[in-house]
Protein backbone atom coordinates (compact mmCIF):
# COMPACT_ATOMS: atom_id res chain seq x y z
CA UNK A 1 -156.09 -13.68 -24.69
CA UNK A 2 -153.13 -14.66 -22.95
CA UNK A 3 -149.80 -14.06 -24.75
CA UNK A 4 -146.30 -15.69 -23.85
CA UNK A 5 -144.95 -12.28 -22.73
CA UNK A 6 -148.12 -12.04 -20.22
CA UNK A 7 -147.68 -15.56 -19.13
CA UNK A 8 -143.70 -15.15 -18.44
CA UNK A 9 -144.39 -11.79 -16.68
CA UNK A 10 -146.96 -13.85 -14.19
CA UNK A 11 -144.53 -16.71 -13.75
CA UNK A 12 -141.86 -13.98 -12.59
CA UNK A 13 -144.36 -11.88 -10.43
CA UNK A 14 -145.68 -14.98 -8.94
CA UNK A 15 -142.32 -16.38 -8.26
CA UNK A 16 -140.94 -13.12 -6.57
CA UNK A 17 -144.25 -12.88 -4.51
CA UNK A 18 -144.15 -16.20 -3.14
CA UNK A 19 -140.46 -15.99 -2.27
CA UNK A 20 -141.09 -12.49 -0.58
CA UNK A 21 -144.41 -14.24 1.21
CA UNK A 22 -142.01 -16.99 2.51
CA UNK A 23 -139.82 -14.61 3.82
CA UNK A 24 -142.38 -12.53 5.60
CA UNK A 25 -144.29 -15.66 7.05
CA UNK A 26 -140.81 -17.11 8.12
CA UNK A 27 -141.17 -20.19 5.68
CA UNK A 28 -138.32 -21.97 4.75
CA UNK A 29 -139.16 -21.43 1.15
CA UNK A 30 -141.21 -23.78 -1.22
CA UNK A 31 -138.78 -23.97 -4.25
CA UNK A 32 -139.23 -22.21 -7.56
CA UNK A 33 -142.51 -24.03 -8.34
CA UNK A 34 -144.12 -23.82 -5.02
CA UNK A 35 -143.27 -20.08 -5.14
CA UNK A 36 -144.81 -19.79 -8.45
CA UNK A 37 -147.87 -21.48 -7.40
CA UNK A 38 -148.20 -19.30 -3.89
CA UNK A 39 -147.58 -16.09 -5.74
CA UNK A 40 -149.98 -16.66 -8.60
CA UNK A 41 -152.44 -17.59 -6.32
CA UNK A 42 -151.68 -14.89 -3.98
CA UNK A 43 -152.10 -12.54 -6.96
CA UNK A 44 -155.66 -13.41 -7.54
CA UNK A 45 -156.34 -13.00 -3.64
CA UNK A 46 -154.38 -9.51 -3.50
CA UNK A 47 -156.26 -8.37 -6.95
CA UNK A 48 -159.74 -9.17 -5.27
CA UNK A 49 -158.98 -7.71 -1.73
CA UNK A 50 -157.47 -4.60 -3.53
CA UNK A 51 -160.31 -4.38 -5.95
CA UNK A 52 -162.58 -4.50 -3.17
CA UNK A 53 -160.69 -1.52 -1.40
CA UNK A 54 -161.05 0.51 -4.37
CA UNK A 55 -157.49 0.37 -5.08
CA UNK A 56 -156.13 -0.05 -9.04
CA UNK A 57 -153.44 -2.47 -9.39
CA UNK A 58 -150.84 -1.89 -12.57
CA UNK A 59 -147.23 -1.85 -12.80
CA UNK A 60 -144.59 -4.38 -11.71
CA UNK A 61 -144.06 -2.71 -8.29
CA UNK A 62 -147.76 -2.42 -7.30
CA UNK A 63 -148.56 -5.93 -8.86
CA UNK A 64 -145.70 -7.34 -6.96
CA UNK A 65 -146.84 -6.07 -3.65
CA UNK A 66 -150.44 -7.01 -4.25
CA UNK A 67 -149.29 -10.64 -5.19
CA UNK A 68 -146.85 -10.43 -2.07
CA UNK A 69 -149.93 -9.63 0.41
CA UNK A 70 -152.13 -11.77 -1.09
CA UNK A 71 -149.55 -14.81 -0.55
CA UNK A 72 -149.11 -13.86 2.92
CA UNK A 73 -152.77 -13.89 3.35
CA UNK A 74 -152.90 -17.63 1.65
CA UNK A 75 -149.96 -18.60 3.89
CA UNK A 76 -151.65 -17.10 6.97
CA UNK A 77 -154.81 -19.13 6.18
CA UNK A 78 -153.00 -22.28 5.49
CA UNK A 79 -151.39 -22.17 8.86
CA UNK A 80 -154.55 -21.66 10.40
CA UNK A 81 -155.83 -24.55 8.70
CA UNK A 82 -152.88 -26.85 9.62
CA UNK A 83 -153.02 -25.86 13.24
CA UNK A 84 -156.83 -26.89 13.36
């Protein structure tokens, strides 16, 4: 069951990851809501990728790193689709 606390943590990690991914990908930023969405979707992608590699996630720092890498992958794919 999702608690209020876990939802708040998810939103905070998503916002940080989306912001970092925007910086890494030389973006102009997406605003708070956009960063959260990019970060949360990135967390799903990062969790899947790291899971397939057998790397366990957990803890704030690892979660932020995984979500950021997933968000970078997401932004890279979006960039490829926009160019096509």
